[in-house]
Amino acid sequence: MEYKAAMIFLCFLILGALLVILQTTLLMPSPLWAFAPDFYFIFVAYLASRFTVFQALILIYLLGLMLDVLVGTMLGMSTCLCFAGYAVMRLFAGKGAFKDYFYSIPLISLCFFVLSGLVYAVFDFVYPDQLAPWSWWKMGLRTLTLAVFVWPVFRLQNMVYSYAANAVMPWKRLKVRDNARRRQT
């Protein structure tokens, strides 16, 4: 059973890297673009609902490092948002809010909006005059864009999860089966 968990972890590490690359290179012409989808937050929400704490925290740490290296507007801001989002989503996932699909889209959107505001407030306090000014309509557009992309990204992650969980590993095919007929000869 360990190979299945390792396969799922590896597939989601690759998927997380691809989502970060897609978000930071193709879908975000500038860090202040209002229609940039935040795939990392959807990825974190999925990790909170499906993965164990240890696996999810490692994936979130690696994802936060990738985001900080690629975006780098304020080092640590993406990682803080990822960890805070995971903590809040894990709290709601434990309460059963992710069991029904209709609760997940507004829950993820609301958490993103509130946590973005909190992270912005903390970094504005720590690094005054270095952040772009807060804009309610831009954050509303980013939250709406996030809500639009929740369903397709969750479907993609469900497909990857089921593929990784049911994938036939090469070493399983190479394993010699114990056959009673072979033992008799």
N, C-alpha and C. Protein backbone atom coordinates (compact mmCIF):
# COMPACT_ATOMS: atom_id res chain seq x y z
N MET A 1 0.80 -1.20 0.00
CA MET A 1 0.00 0.00 0.00
C MET A 1 0.85 1.27 0.00
N GLU A 2 2.13 1.17 0.37
CA GLU A 2 2.96 2.36 0.40
C GLU A 2 3.20 2.91 -1.00
N TYR A 3 3.27 2.01 -2.00
CA TYR A 3 3.53 2.49 -3.35
C TYR A 3 2.37 3.33 -3.85
N LYS A 4 1.15 3.02 -3.42
CA LYS A 4 -0.01 3.79 -3.86
C LYS A 4 0.05 5.22 -3.30
N ALA A 5 0.41 5.36 -2.04
CA ALA A 5 0.54 6.69 -1.44
C ALA A 5 1.68 7.47 -2.09
N ALA A 6 2.77 6.78 -2.39
CA ALA A 6 3.90 7.44 -3.05
C ALA A 6 3.53 7.87 -4.46
N MET A 7 2.79 7.04 -5.16
CA MET A 7 2.36 7.38 -6.52
C MET A 7 1.42 8.59 -6.51
N ILE A 8 0.49 8.61 -5.56
CA ILE A 8 -0.43 9.75 -5.45
C ILE A 8 0.35 11.02 -5.11
N PHE A 9 1.29 10.92 -4.17
CA PHE A 9 2.10 12.07 -3.79
C PHE A 9 2.90 12.60 -4.98
N LEU A 10 3.53 11.71 -5.72
CA LEU A 10 4.33 12.12 -6.87
C LEU A 10 3.47 12.75 -7.96
N CYS A 11 2.32 12.16 -8.23
CA CYS A 11 1.42 12.72 -9.25
C CYS A 11 0.93 14.11 -8.84
N PHE A 12 0.62 14.29 -7.56
CA PHE A 12 0.14 15.60 -7.12
C PHE A 12 1.27 16.62 -7.01
N LEU A 13 2.47 16.18 -6.79
CA LEU A 13 3.60 17.11 -6.84
C LEU A 13 3.79 17.63 -8.26
N ILE A 14 3.70 16.73 -9.23
CA ILE A 14 3.81 17.14 -10.64
C ILE A 14 2.63 18.03 -11.03
N LEU A 15 1.42 17.64 -10.61
CA LEU A 15 0.23 18.45 -10.93
C LEU A 15 0.33 19.83 -10.29
N GLY A 16 0.78 19.90 -9.04
CA GLY A 16 0.94 21.20 -8.39
C GLY A 16 1.96 22.07 -9.11
N ALA A 17 3.06 21.47 -9.54
CA ALA A 17 4.07 22.23 -10.29
C ALA A 17 3.50 22.73 -11.62
N LEU A 18 2.74 21.89 -12.29
CA LEU A 18 2.13 22.32 -13.55
C LEU A 18 1.10 23.43 -13.35
N LEU A 19 0.32 23.33 -12.29
CA LEU A 19 -0.65 24.40 -12.01
C LEU A 19 0.04 25.71 -11.67
N VAL A 20 1.14 25.64 -10.91
CA VAL A 20 1.89 26.85 -10.58
C VAL A 20 2.50 27.46 -11.83
N ILE A 21 3.07 26.63 -12.69
CA ILE A 21 3.66 27.14 -13.93
C ILE A 21 2.59 27.73 -14.83
N LEU A 22 1.45 27.06 -14.95
CA LEU A 22 0.35 27.58 -15.76
C LEU A 22 -0.15 28.90 -15.22
N GLN A 23 -0.28 28.99 -13.92
CA GLN A 23 -0.79 30.21 -13.31
C GLN A 23 0.19 31.36 -13.43
N THR A 24 1.45 31.11 -13.21
CA THR A 24 2.42 32.21 -13.15
C THR A 24 2.98 32.62 -14.50
N THR A 25 2.88 31.77 -15.51
CA THR A 25 3.46 32.14 -16.79
C THR A 25 2.40 32.47 -17.85
N LEU A 26 1.45 31.60 -18.04
CA LEU A 26 0.50 31.81 -19.11
C LEU A 26 -0.71 32.67 -18.72
N LEU A 27 -1.20 32.49 -17.52
CA LEU A 27 -2.45 33.13 -17.13
C LEU A 27 -2.26 34.39 -16.29
N MET A 28 -1.03 34.85 -16.11
CA MET A 28 -0.79 36.05 -15.31
C MET A 28 0.25 36.92 -16.01
N PRO A 29 -0.22 37.83 -16.86
CA PRO A 29 0.74 38.71 -17.54
C PRO A 29 1.49 39.64 -16.58
N SER A 30 0.83 40.04 -15.49
CA SER A 30 1.49 40.85 -14.47
C SER A 30 0.94 40.45 -13.11
N PRO A 31 1.70 40.67 -12.03
CA PRO A 31 1.21 40.27 -10.71
C PRO A 31 -0.06 41.00 -10.27
N LEU A 32 -0.36 42.13 -10.86
CA LEU A 32 -1.52 42.92 -10.48
C LEU A 32 -2.71 42.71 -11.41
N TRP A 33 -2.63 41.74 -12.31
CA TRP A 33 -3.72 41.50 -13.24
C TRP A 33 -4.92 40.95 -12.48
N ALA A 34 -6.09 41.52 -12.73
CA ALA A 34 -7.28 41.20 -11.92
C ALA A 34 -7.89 39.84 -12.25
N PHE A 35 -7.69 39.33 -13.46
CA PHE A 35 -8.34 38.09 -13.86
C PHE A 35 -7.44 36.86 -13.72
N ALA A 36 -6.42 36.96 -12.91
CA ALA A 36 -5.50 35.83 -12.73
C ALA A 36 -6.15 34.79 -11.83
N PRO A 37 -6.34 33.56 -12.33
CA PRO A 37 -6.91 32.52 -11.46
C PRO A 37 -5.86 32.01 -10.48
N ASP A 38 -6.27 31.79 -9.26
CA ASP A 38 -5.35 31.31 -8.23
C ASP A 38 -5.51 29.80 -8.07
N PHE A 39 -4.84 29.07 -8.95
CA PHE A 39 -4.94 27.62 -8.93
C PHE A 39 -4.34 27.02 -7.66
N TYR A 40 -3.36 27.69 -7.10
CA TYR A 40 -2.72 27.14 -5.91
C TYR A 40 -3.71 27.06 -4.75
N PHE A 41 -4.63 28.01 -4.64
CA PHE A 41 -5.58 27.97 -3.54
C PHE A 41 -6.58 26.84 -3.73
N ILE A 42 -6.98 26.58 -4.97
CA ILE A 42 -7.86 25.45 -5.25
C ILE A 42 -7.13 24.15 -4.96
N PHE A 43 -5.86 24.10 -5.32
CA PHE A 43 -5.04 22.92 -5.05
C PHE A 43 -4.92 22.67 -3.55
N VAL A 44 -4.71 23.73 -2.78
CA VAL A 44 -4.61 23.62 -1.32
C VAL A 44 -5.94 23.15 -0.74
N ALA A 45 -7.05 23.65 -1.25
CA ALA A 45 -8.36 23.22 -0.76
C ALA A 45 -8.58 21.74 -1.04
N TYR A 46 -8.14 21.27 -2.20
CA TYR A 46 -8.28 19.85 -2.51
C TYR A 46 -7.40 19.00 -1.60
N LEU A 47 -6.19 19.48 -1.33
CA LEU A 47 -5.31 18.75 -0.42
C LEU A 47 -5.90 18.67 0.98
N ALA A 48 -6.56 19.72 1.40
CA ALA A 48 -7.17 19.73 2.74
C ALA A 48 -8.32 18.73 2.83
N SER A 49 -8.98 18.49 1.72
CA SER A 49 -10.13 17.59 1.78
C SER A 49 -9.77 16.14 1.52
N ARG A 50 -8.64 15.85 0.89
CA ARG A 50 -8.33 14.48 0.48
C ARG A 50 -7.10 13.86 1.11
N PHE A 51 -6.11 14.64 1.49
CA PHE A 51 -4.81 14.10 1.88
C PHE A 51 -4.64 14.09 3.39
N THR A 52 -3.68 13.28 3.83
CA THR A 52 -3.30 13.30 5.23
C THR A 52 -2.54 14.59 5.51
N VAL A 53 -2.41 14.94 6.78
CA VAL A 53 -1.80 16.21 7.15
C VAL A 53 -0.34 16.26 6.72
N PHE A 54 0.41 15.20 6.95
CA PHE A 54 1.84 15.19 6.63
C PHE A 54 2.08 15.35 5.13
N GLN A 55 1.37 14.57 4.31
CA GLN A 55 1.53 14.67 2.86
C GLN A 55 1.14 16.05 2.36
N ALA A 56 0.03 16.55 2.86
CA ALA A 56 -0.47 17.85 2.40
C ALA A 56 0.49 18.97 2.77
N LEU A 57 1.03 18.94 3.98
CA LEU A 57 1.94 20.01 4.39
C LEU A 57 3.23 20.00 3.58
N ILE A 58 3.72 18.84 3.23
CA ILE A 58 4.92 18.78 2.39
C ILE A 58 4.62 19.34 1.00
N LEU A 59 3.48 18.93 0.43
CA LEU A 59 3.11 19.45 -0.88
C LEU A 59 2.88 20.96 -0.85
N ILE A 60 2.26 21.45 0.20
CA ILE A 60 1.99 22.89 0.32
C ILE A 60 3.29 23.66 0.49
N TYR A 61 4.22 23.11 1.26
CA TYR A 61 5.52 23.77 1.43
C TYR A 61 6.25 23.87 0.09
N LEU A 62 6.28 22.78 -0.65
CA LEU A 62 6.94 22.81 -1.95
C LEU A 62 6.23 23.74 -2.93
N LEU A 63 4.91 23.74 -2.89
CA LEU A 63 4.13 24.63 -3.73
C LEU A 63 4.39 26.10 -3.37
N GLY A 64 4.44 26.40 -2.09
CA GLY A 64 4.74 27.77 -1.66
C GLY A 64 6.12 28.22 -2.08
N LEU A 65 7.09 27.31 -2.01
CA LEU A 65 8.44 27.66 -2.47
C LEU A 65 8.46 27.95 -3.96
N MET A 66 7.75 27.12 -4.73
CA MET A 66 7.69 27.36 -6.18
C MET A 66 7.04 28.71 -6.48
N LEU A 67 5.96 29.01 -5.79
CA LEU A 67 5.28 30.29 -6.00
C LEU A 67 6.16 31.47 -5.63
N ASP A 68 6.87 31.36 -4.52
CA ASP A 68 7.74 32.46 -4.11
C ASP A 68 8.89 32.66 -5.09
N VAL A 69 9.40 31.59 -5.66
CA VAL A 69 10.49 31.72 -6.62
C VAL A 69 9.99 32.31 -7.94
N LEU A 70 8.83 31.84 -8.40
CA LEU A 70 8.34 32.31 -9.70
C LEU A 70 7.69 33.68 -9.63
N VAL A 71 6.93 33.97 -8.59
CA VAL A 71 6.24 35.26 -8.51
C VAL A 71 7.14 36.26 -7.81
N GLY A 72 7.48 35.99 -6.57
CA GLY A 72 8.47 36.76 -5.84
C GLY A 72 8.16 38.22 -5.62
N THR A 73 6.88 38.64 -5.65
CA THR A 73 6.60 40.05 -5.38
C THR A 73 6.92 40.38 -3.92
N MET A 74 6.46 39.55 -3.02
CA MET A 74 6.79 39.66 -1.59
C MET A 74 7.10 38.24 -1.13
N LEU A 75 8.35 37.98 -0.82
CA LEU A 75 8.73 36.63 -0.44
C LEU A 75 8.00 36.19 0.82
N GLY A 76 7.41 35.02 0.75
CA GLY A 76 6.69 34.47 1.87
C GLY A 76 5.20 34.71 1.84
N MET A 77 4.73 35.61 1.00
CA MET A 77 3.31 35.93 0.96
C MET A 77 2.50 34.75 0.42
N SER A 78 2.97 34.11 -0.62
CA SER A 78 2.25 32.96 -1.18
C SER A 78 2.27 31.78 -0.22
N THR A 79 3.39 31.57 0.43
CA THR A 79 3.48 30.47 1.39
C THR A 79 2.56 30.70 2.58
N CYS A 80 2.51 31.92 3.06
CA CYS A 80 1.60 32.24 4.17
C CYS A 80 0.15 32.02 3.76
N LEU A 81 -0.21 32.44 2.57
CA LEU A 81 -1.57 32.25 2.09
C LEU A 81 -1.89 30.76 1.94
N CYS A 82 -0.93 29.98 1.46
CA CYS A 82 -1.15 28.53 1.30
C CYS A 82 -1.34 27.84 2.65
N PHE A 83 -0.47 28.13 3.61
CA PHE A 83 -0.60 27.48 4.92
C PHE A 83 -1.85 27.94 5.66
N ALA A 84 -2.16 29.22 5.60
CA ALA A 84 -3.38 29.71 6.26
C ALA A 84 -4.62 29.12 5.59
N GLY A 85 -4.59 29.05 4.26
CA GLY A 85 -5.72 28.44 3.55
C GLY A 85 -5.88 26.98 3.89
N TYR A 86 -4.78 26.28 4.03
CA TYR A 86 -4.86 24.86 4.39
C TYR A 86 -5.45 24.69 5.79
N ALA A 87 -5.02 25.54 6.72
CA ALA A 87 -5.53 25.41 8.09
C ALA A 87 -7.04 25.65 8.14
N VAL A 88 -7.50 26.68 7.44
CA VAL A 88 -8.93 26.98 7.44
C VAL A 88 -9.71 25.89 6.71
N MET A 89 -9.21 25.47 5.56
CA MET A 89 -9.90 24.43 4.78
C MET A 89 -9.91 23.09 5.51
N ARG A 90 -8.84 22.80 6.21
CA ARG A 90 -8.80 21.55 6.98
C ARG A 90 -9.81 21.57 8.12
N LEU A 91 -9.97 22.74 8.71
CA LEU A 91 -10.97 22.89 9.76
C LEU A 91 -12.38 22.62 9.20
N PHE A 92 -12.67 23.18 8.03
CA PHE A 92 -13.99 22.97 7.43
C PHE A 92 -14.13 21.57 6.85
N ALA A 93 -13.04 20.99 6.37
CA ALA A 93 -13.11 19.62 5.83
C ALA A 93 -13.40 18.63 6.94
N GLY A 94 -12.89 18.89 8.13
CA GLY A 94 -13.18 18.04 9.27
C GLY A 94 -14.63 18.13 9.70
N LYS A 95 -15.27 19.25 9.46
CA LYS A 95 -16.67 19.43 9.80
C LYS A 95 -17.60 18.82 8.75
N GLY A 96 -17.06 18.37 7.64
CA GLY A 96 -17.89 17.73 6.62
C GLY A 96 -18.41 18.69 5.56
N ALA A 97 -17.88 19.90 5.48
CA ALA A 97 -18.38 20.87 4.51
C ALA A 97 -18.00 20.50 3.08
N PHE A 98 -16.95 19.72 2.90
CA PHE A 98 -16.53 19.34 1.55
C PHE A 98 -17.27 18.11 1.03
N LYS A 99 -18.09 17.50 1.85
CA LYS A 99 -18.79 16.31 1.40
C LYS A 99 -19.82 16.64 0.33
N ASP A 100 -20.44 17.84 0.44
CA ASP A 100 -21.40 18.27 -0.54
C ASP A 100 -20.72 19.28 -1.47
N TYR A 101 -20.86 19.09 -2.76
CA TYR A 101 -20.16 19.92 -3.73
C TYR A 101 -20.63 21.37 -3.68
N PHE A 102 -21.89 21.60 -3.39
CA PHE A 102 -22.43 22.96 -3.42
C PHE A 102 -21.82 23.85 -2.35
N TYR A 103 -21.35 23.26 -1.26
CA TYR A 103 -20.73 24.06 -0.21
C TYR A 103 -19.29 24.41 -0.53
N SER A 104 -18.64 23.64 -1.36
CA SER A 104 -17.21 23.84 -1.56
C SER A 104 -16.89 25.10 -2.36
N ILE A 105 -17.67 25.43 -3.38
CA ILE A 105 -17.34 26.60 -4.21
C ILE A 105 -17.45 27.90 -3.41
N PRO A 106 -18.58 28.18 -2.74
CA PRO A 106 -18.60 29.44 -1.97
C PRO A 106 -17.65 29.42 -0.78
N LEU A 107 -17.44 28.26 -0.19
CA LEU A 107 -16.53 28.17 0.95
C LEU A 107 -15.10 28.49 0.54
N ILE A 108 -14.66 27.91 -0.56
CA ILE A 108 -13.30 28.18 -1.05
C ILE A 108 -13.17 29.65 -1.45
N SER A 109 -14.18 30.19 -2.11
CA SER A 109 -14.13 31.59 -2.54
C SER A 109 -14.11 32.54 -1.35
N LEU A 110 -14.94 32.29 -0.36
CA LEU A 110 -14.98 33.15 0.82
C LEU A 110 -13.67 33.06 1.60
N CYS A 111 -13.14 31.86 1.76
CA CYS A 111 -11.86 31.70 2.46
C CYS A 111 -10.74 32.42 1.72
N PHE A 112 -10.75 32.34 0.40
CA PHE A 112 -9.72 33.02 -0.38
C PHE A 112 -9.80 34.53 -0.18
N PHE A 113 -11.00 35.07 -0.23
CA PHE A 113 -11.17 36.52 -0.09
C PHE A 113 -10.74 36.99 1.30
N VAL A 114 -11.18 36.30 2.33
CA VAL A 114 -10.86 36.70 3.70
C VAL A 114 -9.37 36.53 3.98
N LEU A 115 -8.80 35.40 3.56
CA LEU A 115 -7.38 35.17 3.83
C LEU A 115 -6.49 36.11 3.02
N SER A 116 -6.89 36.45 1.82
CA SER A 116 -6.12 37.42 1.05
C SER A 116 -6.09 38.77 1.76
N GLY A 117 -7.23 39.17 2.29
CA GLY A 117 -7.27 40.42 3.05
C GLY A 117 -6.41 40.37 4.30
N LEU A 118 -6.46 39.25 5.02
CA LEU A 118 -5.65 39.13 6.25
C LEU A 118 -4.16 39.11 5.94
N VAL A 119 -3.77 38.36 4.93
CA VAL A 119 -2.35 38.31 4.55
C VAL A 119 -1.89 39.68 4.07
N TYR A 120 -2.75 40.36 3.32
CA TYR A 120 -2.39 41.71 2.86
C TYR A 120 -2.21 42.65 4.06
N ALA A 121 -3.11 42.57 5.03
CA ALA A 121 -3.01 43.44 6.21
C ALA A 121 -1.73 43.17 7.00
N VAL A 122 -1.39 41.91 7.17
CA VAL A 122 -0.17 41.57 7.90
C VAL A 122 1.06 42.06 7.15
N PHE A 123 1.13 41.81 5.85
CA PHE A 123 2.30 42.24 5.09
C PHE A 123 2.35 43.76 4.94
N ASP A 124 1.20 44.42 4.93
CA ASP A 124 1.20 45.88 4.88
C ASP A 124 1.72 46.46 6.19
N PHE A 125 1.45 45.77 7.29
CA PHE A 125 1.97 46.20 8.58
C PHE A 125 3.48 45.96 8.67
N VAL A 126 3.93 44.81 8.18
CA VAL A 126 5.35 44.45 8.27
C VAL A 126 6.19 45.23 7.25
N TYR A 127 5.68 45.34 6.01
CA TYR A 127 6.39 46.04 4.94
C TYR A 127 5.53 47.19 4.43
N PRO A 128 5.46 48.30 5.17
CA PRO A 128 4.61 49.40 4.72
C PRO A 128 5.15 50.02 3.43
N ASP A 129 4.25 50.46 2.60
CA ASP A 129 4.54 51.16 1.35
C ASP A 129 5.27 50.30 0.31
N GLN A 130 5.23 48.98 0.44
CA GLN A 130 5.85 48.12 -0.57
C GLN A 130 4.82 47.31 -1.35
N LEU A 131 3.60 47.26 -0.88
CA LEU A 131 2.56 46.49 -1.55
C LEU A 131 1.73 47.41 -2.45
N ALA A 132 1.12 46.80 -3.45
CA ALA A 132 0.19 47.54 -4.29
C ALA A 132 -1.04 47.89 -3.45
N PRO A 133 -1.69 49.00 -3.72
CA PRO A 133 -2.85 49.37 -2.91
C PRO A 133 -3.98 48.34 -3.04
N TRP A 134 -4.68 48.13 -1.93
CA TRP A 134 -5.79 47.18 -1.89
C TRP A 134 -6.95 47.74 -2.71
N SER A 135 -7.53 46.88 -3.53
CA SER A 135 -8.67 47.27 -4.34
C SER A 135 -9.78 46.23 -4.17
N TRP A 136 -10.93 46.68 -3.68
CA TRP A 136 -12.04 45.76 -3.42
C TRP A 136 -12.55 45.12 -4.70
N TRP A 137 -12.68 45.90 -5.76
CA TRP A 137 -13.24 45.33 -6.98
C TRP A 137 -12.28 44.35 -7.64
N LYS A 138 -10.97 44.60 -7.53
CA LYS A 138 -10.00 43.64 -8.09
C LYS A 138 -10.01 42.33 -7.31
N MET A 139 -10.10 42.43 -5.99
CA MET A 139 -10.16 41.20 -5.19
C MET A 139 -11.48 40.48 -5.42
N GLY A 140 -12.54 41.23 -5.65
CA GLY A 140 -13.82 40.60 -5.99
C GLY A 140 -13.74 39.87 -7.31
N LEU A 141 -13.08 40.47 -8.30
CA LEU A 141 -12.89 39.81 -9.60
C LEU A 141 -12.01 38.56 -9.47
N ARG A 142 -10.96 38.66 -8.69
CA ARG A 142 -10.09 37.48 -8.49
C ARG A 142 -10.83 36.36 -7.78
N THR A 143 -11.69 36.73 -6.81
CA THR A 143 -12.48 35.73 -6.11
C THR A 143 -13.50 35.10 -7.05
N LEU A 144 -14.13 35.90 -7.89
CA LEU A 144 -15.08 35.37 -8.87
C LEU A 144 -14.38 34.47 -9.88
N THR A 145 -13.20 34.87 -10.31
CA THR A 145 -12.41 34.02 -11.23
C THR A 145 -12.05 32.71 -10.56
N LEU A 146 -11.69 32.76 -9.29
CA LEU A 146 -11.38 31.55 -8.54
C LEU A 146 -12.61 30.64 -8.47
N ALA A 147 -13.77 31.23 -8.21
CA ALA A 147 -15.01 30.44 -8.11
C ALA A 147 -15.35 29.76 -9.43
N VAL A 148 -15.05 30.42 -10.54
CA VAL A 148 -15.32 29.82 -11.86
C VAL A 148 -14.41 28.62 -12.11
N PHE A 149 -13.18 28.68 -11.64
CA PHE A 149 -12.22 27.62 -11.91
C PHE A 149 -12.23 26.49 -10.88
N VAL A 150 -13.00 26.59 -9.80
CA VAL A 150 -12.99 25.54 -8.78
C VAL A 150 -13.46 24.22 -9.34
N TRP A 151 -14.58 24.21 -10.03
CA TRP A 151 -15.14 22.95 -10.51
C TRP A 151 -14.22 22.25 -11.51
N PRO A 152 -13.70 22.93 -12.58
CA PRO A 152 -12.82 22.21 -13.50
C PRO A 152 -11.52 21.71 -12.86
N VAL A 153 -10.94 22.50 -11.97
CA VAL A 153 -9.69 22.08 -11.34
C VAL A 153 -9.94 20.92 -10.37
N PHE A 154 -11.06 20.95 -9.65
CA PHE A 154 -11.40 19.82 -8.78
C PHE A 154 -11.62 18.56 -9.61
N ARG A 155 -12.27 18.68 -10.75
CA ARG A 155 -12.47 17.52 -11.63
C ARG A 155 -11.13 16.97 -12.11
N LEU A 156 -10.23 17.85 -12.50
CA LEU A 156 -8.90 17.43 -12.93
C LEU A 156 -8.17 16.72 -11.80
N GLN A 157 -8.25 17.26 -10.61
CA GLN A 157 -7.57 16.64 -9.48
C GLN A 157 -8.20 15.31 -9.10
N ASN A 158 -9.51 15.18 -9.23
CA ASN A 158 -10.16 13.89 -8.99
C ASN A 158 -9.71 12.85 -10.01
N MET A 159 -9.56 13.26 -11.27
CA MET A 159 -9.08 12.34 -12.30
C MET A 159 -7.65 11.89 -12.01
N VAL A 160 -6.79 12.82 -11.63
CA VAL A 160 -5.40 12.48 -11.31
C VAL A 160 -5.35 11.56 -10.09
N TYR A 161 -6.17 11.86 -9.09
CA TYR A 161 -6.19 11.04 -7.87
C TYR A 161 -6.64 9.61 -8.18
N SER A 162 -7.70 9.47 -8.97
CA SER A 162 -8.17 8.11 -9.29
C SER A 162 -7.18 7.38 -10.19
N TYR A 163 -6.52 8.10 -11.11
CA TYR A 163 -5.50 7.46 -11.94
C TYR A 163 -4.33 6.99 -11.09
N ALA A 164 -3.87 7.86 -10.20
CA ALA A 164 -2.70 7.51 -9.39
C ALA A 164 -3.03 6.40 -8.40
N ALA A 165 -4.25 6.37 -7.90
CA ALA A 165 -4.63 5.32 -6.94
C ALA A 165 -4.82 3.97 -7.62
N ASN A 166 -5.22 3.97 -8.88
CA ASN A 166 -5.51 2.72 -9.57
C ASN A 166 -4.47 2.35 -10.63
N ALA A 167 -3.39 3.10 -10.70
CA ALA A 167 -2.38 2.84 -11.72
C ALA A 167 -1.72 1.49 -11.47
N VAL A 168 -1.47 0.78 -12.54
CA VAL A 168 -0.77 -0.50 -12.44
C VAL A 168 0.72 -0.20 -12.45
N MET A 169 1.36 -0.55 -11.38
CA MET A 169 2.78 -0.29 -11.25
C MET A 169 3.58 -1.37 -11.97
N PRO A 170 4.69 -1.02 -12.60
CA PRO A 170 5.46 -2.02 -13.33
C PRO A 170 5.97 -3.16 -12.45
N TRP A 171 6.33 -2.84 -11.20
CA TRP A 171 6.87 -3.91 -10.36
C TRP A 171 5.79 -4.90 -9.94
N LYS A 172 4.52 -4.52 -10.02
CA LYS A 172 3.46 -5.49 -9.75
C LYS A 172 3.37 -6.51 -10.88
N ARG A 173 3.62 -6.07 -12.10
CA ARG A 173 3.57 -6.99 -13.23
C ARG A 173 4.77 -7.93 -13.24
N LEU A 174 5.90 -7.48 -12.71
CA LEU A 174 7.10 -8.30 -12.71
C LEU A 174 7.13 -9.31 -11.55
N LYS A 175 6.26 -9.13 -10.60
CA LYS A 175 6.25 -9.99 -9.43
C LYS A 175 5.82 -11.41 -9.83
N VAL A 176 6.57 -12.41 -9.37
CA VAL A 176 6.26 -13.80 -9.68
C VAL A 176 5.13 -14.26 -8.77
N ARG A 177 4.09 -14.77 -9.38
CA ARG A 177 2.94 -15.25 -8.62
C ARG A 177 3.23 -16.68 -8.13
N ASP A 178 2.79 -16.96 -6.94
CA ASP A 178 2.94 -18.29 -6.38
C ASP A 178 1.82 -19.17 -6.94
N ASN A 179 2.22 -20.20 -7.69
CA ASN A 179 1.25 -21.05 -8.36
C ASN A 179 1.38 -22.47 -7.81
N ALA A 180 0.27 -23.06 -7.42
CA ALA A 180 0.30 -24.42 -6.87
C ALA A 180 0.76 -25.43 -7.92
N ARG A 181 0.39 -25.26 -9.16
CA ARG A 181 0.79 -26.18 -10.23
C ARG A 181 2.30 -26.13 -10.43
N ARG A 182 2.89 -24.97 -10.34
CA ARG A 182 4.33 -24.83 -10.51
C ARG A 182 5.07 -25.49 -9.36
N ARG A 183 4.53 -25.48 -8.14
CA ARG A 183 5.19 -26.09 -7.00
C ARG A 183 5.19 -27.61 -7.09
N GLN A 184 4.23 -28.22 -7.76
CA GLN A 184 4.14 -29.67 -7.85
C GLN A 184 5.22 -30.25 -8.75
N THR A 185 5.68 -29.54 -9.71
CA THR A 185 6.67 -30.10 -10.63
C THR A 185 8.07 -29.94 -10.17
